[in-house]
N, C-alpha and C. Protein backbone atom coordinates (compact mmCIF):
# COMPACT_ATOMS: atom_id res chain seq x y z
N ASN A 1 0.84 -1.17 0.00
CA ASN A 1 0.00 0.00 0.00
C ASN A 1 0.89 1.24 0.00
N LEU A 2 0.77 2.05 -1.04
CA LEU A 2 1.62 3.23 -1.19
C LEU A 2 1.44 4.22 -0.04
N GLU A 3 0.20 4.48 0.34
CA GLU A 3 -0.05 5.45 1.42
C GLU A 3 0.61 5.00 2.72
N THR A 4 0.47 3.74 3.05
CA THR A 4 1.07 3.21 4.27
C THR A 4 2.59 3.29 4.19
N ASN A 5 3.15 2.93 3.05
CA ASN A 5 4.60 3.00 2.87
C ASN A 5 5.10 4.42 3.10
N VAL A 6 4.51 5.38 2.44
CA VAL A 6 4.96 6.77 2.51
C VAL A 6 4.74 7.37 3.90
N SER A 7 3.74 6.90 4.63
CA SER A 7 3.46 7.44 5.97
C SER A 7 4.59 7.14 6.96
N ASN A 8 5.48 6.22 6.62
CA ASN A 8 6.59 5.88 7.49
C ASN A 8 7.79 6.81 7.33
N TYR A 9 7.69 7.78 6.43
CA TYR A 9 8.79 8.71 6.16
C TYR A 9 8.55 10.06 6.82
N ALA A 10 9.64 10.76 7.11
CA ALA A 10 9.58 12.13 7.61
C ALA A 10 9.07 13.06 6.52
N ASP A 11 8.73 14.28 6.88
CA ASP A 11 8.25 15.26 5.90
C ASP A 11 9.30 15.56 4.84
N THR A 12 10.58 15.52 5.22
CA THR A 12 11.70 15.71 4.30
C THR A 12 12.64 14.52 4.47
N VAL A 13 13.05 13.93 3.35
CA VAL A 13 13.86 12.72 3.38
C VAL A 13 15.11 12.91 2.52
N ASP A 14 16.27 12.52 3.06
CA ASP A 14 17.50 12.48 2.27
C ASP A 14 17.44 11.15 1.52
N TYR A 15 17.05 11.20 0.24
CA TYR A 15 16.65 10.01 -0.49
C TYR A 15 17.64 9.67 -1.59
N TYR A 16 18.40 8.61 -1.38
CA TYR A 16 19.38 8.11 -2.33
C TYR A 16 20.25 9.26 -2.83
N LYS A 17 20.46 9.37 -4.14
CA LYS A 17 21.33 10.42 -4.68
C LYS A 17 20.55 11.68 -5.02
N GLY A 18 19.23 11.67 -4.76
CA GLY A 18 18.39 12.82 -5.07
C GLY A 18 18.47 13.93 -4.03
N GLY A 19 19.18 13.67 -2.93
CA GLY A 19 19.27 14.67 -1.88
C GLY A 19 17.97 14.75 -1.10
N LYS A 20 17.77 15.87 -0.44
CA LYS A 20 16.57 16.04 0.38
C LYS A 20 15.36 16.32 -0.50
N ILE A 21 14.32 15.50 -0.30
CA ILE A 21 13.08 15.67 -1.05
C ILE A 21 11.89 15.64 -0.09
N SER A 22 10.79 16.20 -0.52
CA SER A 22 9.58 16.20 0.29
C SER A 22 8.92 14.82 0.27
N ARG A 23 8.07 14.56 1.24
CA ARG A 23 7.33 13.30 1.26
C ARG A 23 6.44 13.19 0.01
N GLY A 24 5.90 14.31 -0.46
CA GLY A 24 5.09 14.30 -1.68
C GLY A 24 5.88 13.86 -2.89
N LYS A 25 7.11 14.36 -3.02
CA LYS A 25 7.97 13.96 -4.14
C LYS A 25 8.37 12.50 -3.99
N LEU A 26 8.59 12.06 -2.77
CA LEU A 26 8.90 10.66 -2.51
C LEU A 26 7.75 9.77 -2.99
N LYS A 27 6.53 10.16 -2.65
CA LYS A 27 5.35 9.40 -3.07
C LYS A 27 5.28 9.34 -4.59
N SER A 28 5.51 10.47 -5.26
CA SER A 28 5.49 10.51 -6.72
C SER A 28 6.55 9.59 -7.33
N SER A 29 7.70 9.46 -6.67
CA SER A 29 8.76 8.60 -7.20
C SER A 29 8.45 7.12 -7.02
N LYS A 30 7.68 6.77 -6.00
CA LYS A 30 7.33 5.38 -5.73
C LYS A 30 6.07 4.93 -6.48
N GLU A 31 5.21 5.87 -6.81
CA GLU A 31 3.91 5.56 -7.39
C GLU A 31 3.96 4.72 -8.67
N PRO A 32 4.87 5.00 -9.61
CA PRO A 32 4.89 4.19 -10.84
C PRO A 32 5.06 2.69 -10.59
N ALA A 33 5.87 2.32 -9.60
CA ALA A 33 6.05 0.89 -9.31
C ALA A 33 4.76 0.27 -8.79
N TYR A 34 4.04 1.01 -7.96
CA TYR A 34 2.78 0.49 -7.42
C TYR A 34 1.73 0.33 -8.52
N LYS A 35 1.81 1.17 -9.55
CA LYS A 35 0.87 1.07 -10.67
C LYS A 35 1.30 -0.01 -11.66
N LYS A 36 2.59 -0.18 -11.86
CA LYS A 36 3.12 -1.08 -12.88
C LYS A 36 3.07 -2.55 -12.47
N TYR A 37 3.35 -2.82 -11.20
CA TYR A 37 3.48 -4.20 -10.76
C TYR A 37 2.27 -4.64 -9.93
N ASP A 38 1.78 -5.85 -10.21
CA ASP A 38 0.66 -6.42 -9.47
C ASP A 38 1.12 -7.03 -8.16
N SER A 39 2.36 -7.47 -8.12
CA SER A 39 2.91 -8.14 -6.96
C SER A 39 4.23 -7.48 -6.57
N ILE A 40 4.32 -7.06 -5.31
CA ILE A 40 5.54 -6.46 -4.79
C ILE A 40 5.91 -7.22 -3.53
N SER A 41 7.05 -7.89 -3.56
CA SER A 41 7.50 -8.68 -2.41
C SER A 41 8.88 -8.19 -2.00
N ILE A 42 9.05 -7.88 -0.71
CA ILE A 42 10.34 -7.40 -0.20
C ILE A 42 10.68 -8.20 1.05
N ASP A 43 11.88 -8.77 1.07
CA ASP A 43 12.38 -9.50 2.23
C ASP A 43 13.62 -8.79 2.76
N ILE A 44 13.74 -8.76 4.09
CA ILE A 44 14.93 -8.16 4.70
C ILE A 44 15.57 -9.17 5.64
N GLY A 45 16.88 -9.01 5.81
CA GLY A 45 17.63 -9.88 6.70
C GLY A 45 18.92 -9.21 7.11
N ASN A 46 19.65 -9.84 8.01
CA ASN A 46 20.94 -9.32 8.50
C ASN A 46 20.81 -7.89 9.01
N MET A 47 19.75 -7.61 9.75
CA MET A 47 19.49 -6.25 10.22
C MET A 47 20.35 -5.90 11.43
N LYS A 48 20.87 -4.69 11.39
CA LYS A 48 21.65 -4.15 12.50
C LYS A 48 21.12 -2.74 12.80
N VAL A 49 20.76 -2.48 14.05
CA VAL A 49 20.24 -1.18 14.47
C VAL A 49 21.23 -0.58 15.46
N VAL A 50 21.68 0.65 15.14
CA VAL A 50 22.62 1.35 16.02
C VAL A 50 22.01 2.69 16.41
N PRO A 51 21.51 2.79 17.66
CA PRO A 51 20.95 4.08 18.11
C PRO A 51 22.07 5.08 18.38
N ASP A 52 21.78 6.38 18.17
CA ASP A 52 22.76 7.39 18.53
C ASP A 52 22.64 7.63 20.04
N PRO A 53 23.64 8.30 20.63
CA PRO A 53 23.64 8.48 22.08
C PRO A 53 22.43 9.26 22.63
N THR A 54 21.79 10.10 21.82
CA THR A 54 20.66 10.89 22.30
C THR A 54 19.37 10.08 22.37
N GLY A 55 19.32 8.95 21.65
CA GLY A 55 18.11 8.15 21.60
C GLY A 55 17.07 8.72 20.65
N GLU A 56 17.44 9.75 19.88
CA GLU A 56 16.51 10.40 18.96
C GLU A 56 16.71 9.97 17.51
N LYS A 57 17.80 9.27 17.24
CA LYS A 57 18.08 8.77 15.89
C LYS A 57 18.64 7.36 15.99
N ALA A 58 18.51 6.63 14.90
CA ALA A 58 19.10 5.30 14.82
C ALA A 58 19.47 5.02 13.37
N THR A 59 20.58 4.32 13.18
CA THR A 59 21.01 3.91 11.84
C THR A 59 20.71 2.41 11.72
N VAL A 60 20.00 2.07 10.66
CA VAL A 60 19.60 0.68 10.42
C VAL A 60 20.22 0.23 9.11
N THR A 61 20.98 -0.86 9.15
CA THR A 61 21.51 -1.45 7.92
C THR A 61 20.96 -2.87 7.81
N PHE A 62 20.69 -3.28 6.58
CA PHE A 62 20.12 -4.60 6.36
C PHE A 62 20.27 -4.98 4.89
N ASP A 63 20.12 -6.27 4.63
CA ASP A 63 20.07 -6.77 3.26
C ASP A 63 18.61 -6.80 2.84
N LYS A 64 18.32 -6.27 1.65
CA LYS A 64 16.96 -6.24 1.12
C LYS A 64 16.94 -6.94 -0.23
N THR A 65 15.99 -7.86 -0.39
CA THR A 65 15.78 -8.55 -1.66
C THR A 65 14.34 -8.29 -2.08
N TRP A 66 14.14 -7.94 -3.36
CA TRP A 66 12.79 -7.64 -3.82
C TRP A 66 12.49 -8.38 -5.11
N ASP A 67 11.20 -8.63 -5.29
CA ASP A 67 10.66 -9.20 -6.53
C ASP A 67 9.37 -8.47 -6.84
N PHE A 68 9.34 -7.76 -7.95
CA PHE A 68 8.14 -7.08 -8.44
C PHE A 68 7.73 -7.80 -9.72
N ALA A 69 6.43 -8.07 -9.89
CA ALA A 69 5.97 -8.75 -11.10
C ALA A 69 4.64 -8.17 -11.54
N GLY A 70 4.41 -8.19 -12.84
CA GLY A 70 3.15 -7.69 -13.38
C GLY A 70 3.04 -7.98 -14.86
N VAL A 71 2.03 -7.39 -15.46
CA VAL A 71 1.78 -7.53 -16.89
C VAL A 71 1.58 -6.13 -17.46
N ASP A 72 2.30 -5.79 -18.55
CA ASP A 72 2.16 -4.46 -19.13
C ASP A 72 0.89 -4.36 -19.97
N LYS A 73 0.64 -3.19 -20.54
CA LYS A 73 -0.59 -2.93 -21.30
C LYS A 73 -0.72 -3.81 -22.53
N ASP A 74 0.41 -4.37 -23.00
CA ASP A 74 0.40 -5.25 -24.17
C ASP A 74 0.30 -6.72 -23.80
N GLY A 75 0.17 -7.01 -22.51
CA GLY A 75 0.05 -8.39 -22.06
C GLY A 75 1.38 -9.09 -21.82
N ASN A 76 2.48 -8.34 -21.87
CA ASN A 76 3.79 -8.93 -21.63
C ASN A 76 4.10 -8.93 -20.14
N GLU A 77 4.71 -10.01 -19.67
CA GLU A 77 5.13 -10.06 -18.27
C GLU A 77 6.28 -9.10 -18.06
N VAL A 78 6.24 -8.38 -16.94
CA VAL A 78 7.31 -7.47 -16.55
C VAL A 78 7.73 -7.82 -15.13
N PHE A 79 8.99 -7.61 -14.84
CA PHE A 79 9.47 -7.87 -13.49
C PHE A 79 10.67 -7.00 -13.18
N ASN A 80 10.95 -6.90 -11.92
CA ASN A 80 12.13 -6.20 -11.42
C ASN A 80 12.50 -6.92 -10.14
N SER A 81 13.73 -7.40 -10.06
CA SER A 81 14.17 -8.07 -8.85
C SER A 81 15.59 -7.65 -8.56
N GLY A 82 15.98 -7.81 -7.32
CA GLY A 82 17.34 -7.46 -6.96
C GLY A 82 17.61 -7.65 -5.49
N SER A 83 18.83 -7.33 -5.12
CA SER A 83 19.25 -7.46 -3.74
C SER A 83 20.32 -6.41 -3.46
N VAL A 84 20.16 -5.72 -2.34
CA VAL A 84 21.08 -4.65 -1.95
C VAL A 84 21.32 -4.68 -0.45
N GLN A 85 22.39 -4.04 -0.04
CA GLN A 85 22.55 -3.70 1.38
C GLN A 85 22.06 -2.27 1.49
N GLN A 86 21.09 -2.04 2.35
CA GLN A 86 20.46 -0.72 2.45
C GLN A 86 20.69 -0.12 3.83
N GLN A 87 20.65 1.20 3.85
CA GLN A 87 20.76 1.93 5.11
C GLN A 87 19.61 2.91 5.25
N LEU A 88 18.97 2.88 6.40
CA LEU A 88 17.95 3.86 6.75
C LEU A 88 18.42 4.61 7.97
N ILE A 89 18.11 5.90 8.01
CA ILE A 89 18.28 6.69 9.22
C ILE A 89 16.87 6.95 9.75
N LEU A 90 16.62 6.53 10.98
CA LEU A 90 15.34 6.77 11.62
C LEU A 90 15.49 7.91 12.61
N THR A 91 14.52 8.81 12.62
CA THR A 91 14.52 9.95 13.52
C THR A 91 13.20 9.96 14.28
N LYS A 92 13.29 10.20 15.59
CA LYS A 92 12.07 10.27 16.39
C LYS A 92 11.47 11.65 16.20
N ILE A 93 10.26 11.70 15.64
CA ILE A 93 9.56 12.95 15.35
C ILE A 93 8.20 12.88 16.02
N ASN A 94 7.95 13.81 16.93
CA ASN A 94 6.69 13.82 17.69
C ASN A 94 6.39 12.45 18.30
N GLY A 95 7.43 11.82 18.85
CA GLY A 95 7.26 10.55 19.54
C GLY A 95 7.16 9.33 18.65
N LYS A 96 7.27 9.51 17.31
CA LYS A 96 7.18 8.37 16.39
C LYS A 96 8.45 8.28 15.55
N TRP A 97 8.89 7.05 15.30
CA TRP A 97 10.06 6.84 14.46
C TRP A 97 9.67 6.96 12.99
N LYS A 98 10.40 7.83 12.28
CA LYS A 98 10.17 8.06 10.85
C LYS A 98 11.49 7.90 10.10
N ILE A 99 11.40 7.46 8.85
CA ILE A 99 12.58 7.34 8.00
C ILE A 99 12.95 8.74 7.51
N SER A 100 14.16 9.18 7.86
CA SER A 100 14.61 10.51 7.45
C SER A 100 15.70 10.44 6.37
N ALA A 101 16.24 9.24 6.14
CA ALA A 101 17.24 9.06 5.07
C ALA A 101 17.21 7.60 4.62
N GLU A 102 17.46 7.41 3.32
CA GLU A 102 17.47 6.05 2.75
C GLU A 102 18.48 6.01 1.62
N LYS A 103 19.33 4.98 1.63
CA LYS A 103 20.27 4.80 0.52
C LYS A 103 20.75 3.36 0.48
N ASP A 104 21.25 2.97 -0.69
CA ASP A 104 21.87 1.66 -0.85
C ASP A 104 23.36 1.80 -0.59
N LEU A 105 23.90 0.90 0.23
CA LEU A 105 25.33 0.89 0.50
C LEU A 105 26.08 0.00 -0.48
N LYS A 106 25.40 -1.08 -0.90
CA LYS A 106 26.03 -2.04 -1.81
C LYS A 106 24.93 -2.71 -2.63
N VAL A 107 25.14 -2.81 -3.94
CA VAL A 107 24.20 -3.50 -4.81
C VAL A 107 24.76 -4.90 -5.06
N TYR A 108 23.97 -5.92 -4.70
CA TYR A 108 24.38 -7.29 -4.95
C TYR A 108 24.00 -7.70 -6.37
N TYR A 109 22.75 -7.43 -6.78
CA TYR A 109 22.32 -7.67 -8.15
C TYR A 109 20.99 -6.97 -8.40
N VAL A 110 20.74 -6.66 -9.67
CA VAL A 110 19.46 -6.10 -10.11
C VAL A 110 19.14 -6.74 -11.45
N ASP A 111 17.89 -7.19 -11.60
CA ASP A 111 17.43 -7.79 -12.86
C ASP A 111 16.12 -7.14 -13.23
N LYS A 112 16.15 -6.31 -14.27
CA LYS A 112 14.94 -5.61 -14.73
C LYS A 112 14.42 -6.32 -15.96
N GLY A 113 13.15 -6.70 -15.90
CA GLY A 113 12.55 -7.49 -16.97
C GLY A 113 11.93 -6.65 -18.07
N THR A 114 11.31 -7.31 -18.96
CA THR A 114 10.65 -6.72 -20.13
C THR A 114 9.81 -5.52 -19.75
N GLY A 115 9.94 -4.47 -20.54
CA GLY A 115 9.07 -3.31 -20.38
C GLY A 115 9.48 -2.35 -19.30
N ASP A 116 10.56 -2.61 -18.58
CA ASP A 116 10.97 -1.71 -17.51
C ASP A 116 11.88 -0.65 -18.09
N GLU A 117 11.41 0.59 -18.04
CA GLU A 117 12.18 1.67 -18.64
C GLU A 117 13.17 2.32 -17.69
N ASN A 118 13.24 1.86 -16.44
CA ASN A 118 14.17 2.46 -15.46
C ASN A 118 15.54 1.83 -15.54
């Protein structure tokens, strides 16, 4: 669910190589995948959480593997799969933990299938 996904982010996010972007721009960047793929599966493992001394931020690193699958307008199967080591920075905002930064530290593999223009 796109709305639920985006609600976990801060109002401004340091997002990959795009720098600081608004939550609205973040939603716009994620929306095409939610429209294109019928199935979105994400697995995480090897998670490490390191809180900062203030208790107001935490750095989370983990391995993420994803499989997106769907059918394009011409009836062709499309997919996108891959695996990365990812880092999130969580910040406590109004008593709730929100993602304030997200980036890939290491790309293990990416496989983009038919019809994927990214």
